[in-house]
Amino acid sequence: MERVHYDIGDIVKMKKVHPCGTDLWEITRTGIDFGAKCKGCGRFVMIPRPKFEKAVKSIVEKKKIEE
């Protein structure tokens, strides 16, 4: 199974809804842990990579690459 590549700035849809009512998160940090910011309330969380990869449903928006 191929590993999905996540970049800082990508917007992802999670399987579970955050208590504020949204399931969209912006990736702010990658590595062994992922940093994510809720697009609804702005809450910041750190999630271990294996847990993050299981919780992501899809990538909604990829970061725009500036040339």
PDB file of N, CA and C in Angstrom:
ATOM      1  N   MET A   1       0.844  -1.189   0.000  1.00  0.00           N
ATOM      2  CA  MET A   1       0.000   0.000   0.000  1.00  0.00           C
ATOM      3  C   MET A   1       0.885   1.246   0.000  1.00  0.00           C
ATOM      4  N   GLU A   2       0.572   2.170  -0.881  1.00  0.00           N
ATOM      5  CA  GLU A   2       1.368   3.386  -1.018  1.00  0.00           C
ATOM      6  C   GLU A   2       0.951   4.426   0.025  1.00  0.00           C
ATOM      7  N   ARG A   3       1.940   5.077   0.628  1.00  0.00           N
ATOM      8  CA  ARG A   3       1.681   6.095   1.640  1.00  0.00           C
ATOM      9  C   ARG A   3       1.321   7.417   0.951  1.00  0.00           C
ATOM     10  N   VAL A   4       0.288   8.077   1.449  1.00  0.00           N
ATOM     11  CA  VAL A   4      -0.141   9.366   0.906  1.00  0.00           C
ATOM     12  C   VAL A   4       0.815  10.442   1.399  1.00  0.00           C
ATOM     13  N   HIS A   5       1.162  11.381   0.523  1.00  0.00           N
ATOM     14  CA  HIS A   5       2.073  12.466   0.877  1.00  0.00           C
ATOM     15  C   HIS A   5       1.269  13.698   1.277  1.00  0.00           C
ATOM     16  N   TYR A   6       1.473  14.155   2.513  1.00  0.00           N
ATOM     17  CA  TYR A   6       0.793  15.346   3.026  1.00  0.00           C
ATOM     18  C   TYR A   6       1.790  16.492   3.097  1.00  0.00           C
ATOM     19  N   ASP A   7       1.341  17.699   2.746  1.00  0.00           N
ATOM     20  CA  ASP A   7       2.170  18.902   2.806  1.00  0.00           C
ATOM     21  C   ASP A   7       1.567  19.903   3.774  1.00  0.00           C
ATOM     22  N   ILE A   8       2.410  20.775   4.298  1.00  0.00           N
ATOM     23  CA  ILE A   8       1.932  21.850   5.153  1.00  0.00           C
ATOM     24  C   ILE A   8       1.035  22.753   4.304  1.00  0.00           C
ATOM     25  N   GLY A   9      -0.128  23.083   4.830  1.00  0.00           N
ATOM     26  CA  GLY A   9      -1.082  23.920   4.107  1.00  0.00           C
ATOM     27  C   GLY A   9      -2.213  23.140   3.461  1.00  0.00           C
ATOM     28  N   ASP A  10      -2.085  21.815   3.374  1.00  0.00           N
ATOM     29  CA  ASP A  10      -3.166  20.993   2.813  1.00  0.00           C
ATOM     30  C   ASP A  10      -4.374  21.016   3.753  1.00  0.00           C
ATOM     31  N   ILE A  11      -5.574  20.961   3.168  1.00  0.00           N
ATOM     32  CA  ILE A  11      -6.812  20.867   3.934  1.00  0.00           C
ATOM     33  C   ILE A  11      -7.301  19.420   3.817  1.00  0.00           C
ATOM     34  N   VAL A  12      -7.506  18.766   4.972  1.00  0.00           N
ATOM     35  CA  VAL A  12      -7.951  17.376   4.962  1.00  0.00           C
ATOM     36  C   VAL A  12      -9.307  17.241   5.646  1.00  0.00           C
ATOM     37  N   LYS A  13     -10.059  16.229   5.219  1.00  0.00           N
ATOM     38  CA  LYS A  13     -11.348  15.913   5.825  1.00  0.00           C
ATOM     39  C   LYS A  13     -11.133  14.688   6.712  1.00  0.00           C
ATOM     40  N   MET A  14     -11.518  14.806   7.980  1.00  0.00           N
ATOM     41  CA  MET A  14     -11.355  13.710   8.932  1.00  0.00           C
ATOM     42  C   MET A  14     -12.612  12.842   8.972  1.00  0.00           C
ATOM     43  N   LYS A  15     -12.468  11.605   9.448  1.00  0.00           N
ATOM     44  CA  LYS A  15     -13.605  10.692   9.543  1.00  0.00           C
ATOM     45  C   LYS A  15     -14.591  11.135  10.621  1.00  0.00           C
ATOM     46  N   LYS A  16     -14.069  11.668  11.732  1.00  0.00           N
ATOM     47  CA  LYS A  16     -14.934  12.122  12.825  1.00  0.00           C
ATOM     48  C   LYS A  16     -15.055  13.644  12.808  1.00  0.00           C
ATOM     49  N   VAL A  17     -16.195  14.136  13.271  1.00  0.00           N
ATOM     50  CA  VAL A  17     -16.463  15.569  13.317  1.00  0.00           C
ATOM     51  C   VAL A  17     -15.938  16.134  14.637  1.00  0.00           C
ATOM     52  N   HIS A  18     -15.318  17.298  14.576  1.00  0.00           N
ATOM     53  CA  HIS A  18     -14.842  18.006  15.771  1.00  0.00           C
ATOM     54  C   HIS A  18     -16.065  18.532  16.536  1.00  0.00           C
ATOM     55  N   PRO A  19     -15.976  18.699  17.856  1.00  0.00           N
ATOM     56  CA  PRO A  19     -17.120  19.202  18.629  1.00  0.00           C
ATOM     57  C   PRO A  19     -17.682  20.544  18.126  1.00  0.00           C
ATOM     58  N   CYS A  20     -16.879  21.343  17.441  1.00  0.00           N
ATOM     59  CA  CYS A  20     -17.380  22.632  16.925  1.00  0.00           C
ATOM     60  C   CYS A  20     -18.285  22.433  15.706  1.00  0.00           C
ATOM     61  N   GLY A  21     -18.285  21.232  15.106  1.00  0.00           N
ATOM     62  CA  GLY A  21     -19.203  20.928  14.011  1.00  0.00           C
ATOM     63  C   GLY A  21     -18.572  20.769  12.641  1.00  0.00           C
ATOM     64  N   THR A  22     -17.251  20.948  12.527  1.00  0.00           N
ATOM     65  CA  THR A  22     -16.603  20.798  11.221  1.00  0.00           C
ATOM     66  C   THR A  22     -15.685  19.575  11.230  1.00  0.00           C
ATOM     67  N   ASP A  23     -15.388  19.067  10.036  1.00  0.00           N
ATOM     68  CA  ASP A  23     -14.464  17.939   9.924  1.00  0.00           C
ATOM     69  C   ASP A  23     -13.272  18.301   9.032  1.00  0.00           C
ATOM     70  N   LEU A  24     -13.067  19.605   8.786  1.00  0.00           N
ATOM     71  CA  LEU A  24     -11.963  20.077   7.959  1.00  0.00           C
ATOM     72  C   LEU A  24     -10.831  20.615   8.824  1.00  0.00           C
ATOM     73  N   TRP A  25      -9.591  20.202   8.500  1.00  0.00           N
ATOM     74  CA  TRP A  25      -8.405  20.600   9.249  1.00  0.00           C
ATOM     75  C   TRP A  25      -7.312  21.020   8.277  1.00  0.00           C
ATOM     76  N   GLU A  26      -6.526  22.015   8.672  1.00  0.00           N
ATOM     77  CA  GLU A  26      -5.373  22.461   7.893  1.00  0.00           C
ATOM     78  C   GLU A  26      -4.112  21.899   8.537  1.00  0.00           C
ATOM     79  N   ILE A  27      -3.259  21.262   7.741  1.00  0.00           N
ATOM     80  CA  ILE A  27      -2.010  20.702   8.257  1.00  0.00           C
ATOM     81  C   ILE A  27      -1.014  21.842   8.463  1.00  0.00           C
ATOM     82  N   THR A  28      -0.474  21.943   9.681  1.00  0.00           N
ATOM     83  CA  THR A  28       0.480  23.002  10.002  1.00  0.00           C
ATOM     84  C   THR A  28       1.871  22.457  10.283  1.00  0.00           C
ATOM     85  N   ARG A  29       1.992  21.146  10.478  1.00  0.00           N
ATOM     86  CA  ARG A  29       3.292  20.528  10.776  1.00  0.00           C
ATOM     87  C   ARG A  29       3.242  19.073  10.332  1.00  0.00           C
ATOM     88  N   THR A  30       4.346  18.587   9.759  1.00  0.00           N
ATOM     89  CA  THR A  30       4.433  17.181   9.374  1.00  0.00           C
ATOM     90  C   THR A  30       5.689  16.575   9.981  1.00  0.00           C
ATOM     91  N   GLY A  31       5.738  15.274  10.010  1.00  0.00           N
ATOM     92  CA  GLY A  31       6.877  14.560  10.577  1.00  0.00           C
ATOM     93  C   GLY A  31       6.378  13.347  11.332  1.00  0.00           C
ATOM     94  N   ILE A  32       7.023  13.030  12.445  1.00  0.00           N
ATOM     95  CA  ILE A  32       6.595  11.906  13.273  1.00  0.00           C
ATOM     96  C   ILE A  32       5.234  12.203  13.890  1.00  0.00           C
ATOM     97  N   ASP A  33       4.972  13.494  14.145  1.00  0.00           N
ATOM     98  CA  ASP A  33       3.668  13.975  14.615  1.00  0.00           C
ATOM     99  C   ASP A  33       3.144  14.965  13.590  1.00  0.00           C
ATOM    100  N   PHE A  34       1.821  15.068  13.509  1.00  0.00           N
ATOM    101  CA  PHE A  34       1.196  16.052  12.641  1.00  0.00           C
ATOM    102  C   PHE A  34       0.576  17.146  13.496  1.00  0.00           C
ATOM    103  N   GLY A  35       0.748  18.394  13.067  1.00  0.00           N
ATOM    104  CA  GLY A  35       0.059  19.509  13.685  1.00  0.00           C
ATOM    105  C   GLY A  35      -1.101  19.862  12.773  1.00  0.00           C
ATOM    106  N   ALA A  36      -2.277  20.079  13.360  1.00  0.00           N
ATOM    107  CA  ALA A  36      -3.450  20.401  12.563  1.00  0.00           C
ATOM    108  C   ALA A  36      -4.264  21.490  13.246  1.00  0.00           C
ATOM    109  N   LYS A  37      -4.817  22.386  12.420  1.00  0.00           N
ATOM    110  CA  LYS A  37      -5.628  23.493  12.919  1.00  0.00           C
ATOM    111  C   LYS A  37      -7.038  23.320  12.390  1.00  0.00           C
ATOM    112  N   CYS A  38      -8.020  23.340  13.303  1.00  0.00           N
ATOM    113  CA  CYS A  38      -9.423  23.191  12.926  1.00  0.00           C
ATOM    114  C   CYS A  38      -9.861  24.392  12.107  1.00  0.00           C
ATOM    115  N   LYS A  39     -10.527  24.143  10.973  1.00  0.00           N
ATOM    116  CA  LYS A  39     -10.995  25.233  10.117  1.00  0.00           C
ATOM    117  C   LYS A  39     -12.255  25.891  10.674  1.00  0.00           C
ATOM    118  N   GLY A  40     -12.888  25.264  11.662  1.00  0.00           N
ATOM    119  CA  GLY A  40     -14.095  25.842  12.249  1.00  0.00           C
ATOM    120  C   GLY A  40     -13.789  26.785  13.396  1.00  0.00           C
ATOM    121  N   CYS A  41     -13.082  26.292  14.415  1.00  0.00           N
ATOM    122  CA  CYS A  41     -12.857  27.081  15.628  1.00  0.00           C
ATOM    123  C   CYS A  41     -11.414  27.535  15.803  1.00  0.00           C
ATOM    124  N   GLY A  42     -10.481  27.001  14.996  1.00  0.00           N
ATOM    125  CA  GLY A  42      -9.085  27.425  15.082  1.00  0.00           C
ATOM    126  C   GLY A  42      -8.254  26.667  16.105  1.00  0.00           C
ATOM    127  N   ARG A  43      -8.812  25.639  16.716  1.00  0.00           N
ATOM    128  CA  ARG A  43      -8.081  24.849  17.713  1.00  0.00           C
ATOM    129  C   ARG A  43      -6.904  24.130  17.054  1.00  0.00           C
ATOM    130  N   PHE A  44      -5.755  24.107  17.752  1.00  0.00           N
ATOM    131  CA  PHE A  44      -4.556  23.446  17.252  1.00  0.00           C
ATOM    132  C   PHE A  44      -4.317  22.166  18.036  1.00  0.00           C
ATOM    133  N   VAL A  45      -4.063  21.060  17.342  1.00  0.00           N
ATOM    134  CA  VAL A  45      -3.778  19.781  17.995  1.00  0.00           C
ATOM    135  C   VAL A  45      -2.558  19.132  17.362  1.00  0.00           C
ATOM    136  N   MET A  46      -1.873  18.302  18.153  1.00  0.00           N
ATOM    137  CA  MET A  46      -0.768  17.474  17.666  1.00  0.00           C
ATOM    138  C   MET A  46      -1.256  16.026  17.697  1.00  0.00           C
ATOM    139  N   ILE A  47      -1.068  15.313  16.586  1.00  0.00           N
ATOM    140  CA  ILE A  47      -1.539  13.937  16.458  1.00  0.00           C
ATOM    141  C   ILE A  47      -0.387  13.071  15.959  1.00  0.00           C
ATOM    142  N   PRO A  48      -0.134  11.913  16.604  1.00  0.00           N
ATOM    143  CA  PRO A  48       0.906  11.007  16.093  1.00  0.00           C
ATOM    144  C   PRO A  48       0.568  10.558  14.662  1.00  0.00           C
ATOM    145  N   ARG A  49       1.605  10.385  13.838  1.00  0.00           N
ATOM    146  CA  ARG A  49       1.418  10.042  12.422  1.00  0.00           C
ATOM    147  C   ARG A  49       0.489   8.841  12.194  1.00  0.00           C
ATOM    148  N   PRO A  50       0.669   7.704  12.872  1.00  0.00           N
ATOM    149  CA  PRO A  50      -0.223   6.562  12.587  1.00  0.00           C
ATOM    150  C   PRO A  50      -1.701   6.878  12.866  1.00  0.00           C
ATOM    151  N   LYS A  51      -1.968   7.591  13.952  1.00  0.00           N
ATOM    152  CA  LYS A  51      -3.341   7.949  14.296  1.00  0.00           C
ATOM    153  C   LYS A  51      -3.913   8.936  13.277  1.00  0.00           C
ATOM    154  N   PHE A  52      -3.093   9.892  12.843  1.00  0.00           N
ATOM    155  CA  PHE A  52      -3.525  10.885  11.852  1.00  0.00           C
ATOM    156  C   PHE A  52      -3.882  10.201  10.537  1.00  0.00           C
ATOM    157  N   GLU A  53      -3.013   9.304  10.067  1.00  0.00           N
ATOM    158  CA  GLU A  53      -3.250   8.643   8.783  1.00  0.00           C
ATOM    159  C   GLU A  53      -4.511   7.785   8.804  1.00  0.00           C
ATOM    160  N   LYS A  54      -4.842   7.193   9.944  1.00  0.00           N
ATOM    161  CA  LYS A  54      -6.080   6.415  10.060  1.00  0.00           C
ATOM    162  C   LYS A  54      -7.312   7.313  10.109  1.00  0.00           C
ATOM    163  N   ALA A  55      -7.157   8.522  10.677  1.00  0.00           N
ATOM    164  CA  ALA A  55      -8.295   9.422  10.883  1.00  0.00           C
ATOM    165  C   ALA A  55      -8.662  10.233   9.642  1.00  0.00           C
ATOM    166  N   VAL A  56      -7.736  10.377   8.681  1.00  0.00           N
ATOM    167  CA  VAL A  56      -8.007  11.193   7.484  1.00  0.00           C
ATOM    168  C   VAL A  56      -8.869  10.416   6.499  1.00  0.00           C
ATOM    169  N   LYS A  57      -9.925  11.082   6.039  1.00  0.00           N
ATOM    170  CA  LYS A  57     -10.810  10.492   5.045  1.00  0.00           C
ATOM    171  C   LYS A  57     -10.328  10.839   3.640  1.00  0.00           C
ATOM    172  N   SER A  58      -9.992  12.130   3.413  1.00  0.00           N
ATOM    173  CA  SER A  58      -9.525  12.554   2.099  1.00  0.00           C
ATOM    174  C   SER A  58      -8.831  13.907   2.191  1.00  0.00           C
ATOM    175  N   ILE A  59      -8.069  14.224   1.141  1.00  0.00           N
ATOM    176  CA  ILE A  59      -7.468  15.548   1.020  1.00  0.00           C
ATOM    177  C   ILE A  59      -8.447  16.392   0.211  1.00  0.00           C
ATOM    178  N   VAL A  60      -8.935  17.469   0.817  1.00  0.00           N
ATOM    179  CA  VAL A  60      -9.929  18.329   0.172  1.00  0.00           C
ATOM    180  C   VAL A  60      -9.251  19.330  -0.753  1.00  0.00           C
ATOM    181  N   GLU A  61      -8.127  19.894  -0.292  1.00  0.00           N
ATOM    182  CA  GLU A  61      -7.442  20.928  -1.066  1.00  0.00           C
ATOM    183  C   GLU A  61      -5.943  20.802  -0.851  1.00  0.00           C
ATOM    184  N   LYS A  62      -5.185  20.718  -1.953  1.00  0.00           N
ATOM    185  CA  LYS A  62      -3.733  20.682  -1.877  1.00  0.00           C
ATOM    186  C   LYS A  62      -3.209  22.105  -1.850  1.00  0.00           C
ATOM    187  N   LYS A  63      -2.084  22.293  -1.177  1.00  0.00           N
ATOM    188  CA  LYS A  63      -1.443  23.602  -1.118  1.00  0.00           C
ATOM    189  C   LYS A  63      -1.025  24.018  -2.517  1.00  0.00           C
ATOM    190  N   LYS A  64      -1.208  25.275  -2.823  1.00  0.00           N
ATOM    191  CA  LYS A  64      -0.784  25.806  -4.122  1.00  0.00           C
ATOM    192  C   LYS A  64       0.724  25.959  -4.125  1.00  0.00           C
ATOM    193  N   ILE A  65       1.377  25.442  -5.161  1.00  0.00           N
ATOM    194  CA  ILE A  65       2.827  25.531  -5.283  1.00  0.00           C
ATOM    195  C   ILE A  65       3.160  26.799  -6.056  1.00  0.00           C
ATOM    196  N   GLU A  66       3.896  27.694  -5.397  1.00  0.00           N
ATOM    197  CA  GLU A  66       4.286  28.959  -6.042  1.00  0.00           C
ATOM    198  C   GLU A  66       5.609  28.760  -6.749  1.00  0.00           C
ATOM    199  N   GLU A  67       5.713  29.284  -7.969  1.00  0.00           N
ATOM    200  CA  GLU A  67       6.939  29.129  -8.753  1.00  0.00           C
ATOM    201  C   GLU A  67       7.723  30.406  -8.780  1.00  0.00           C
TER     202      GLU A  67
END
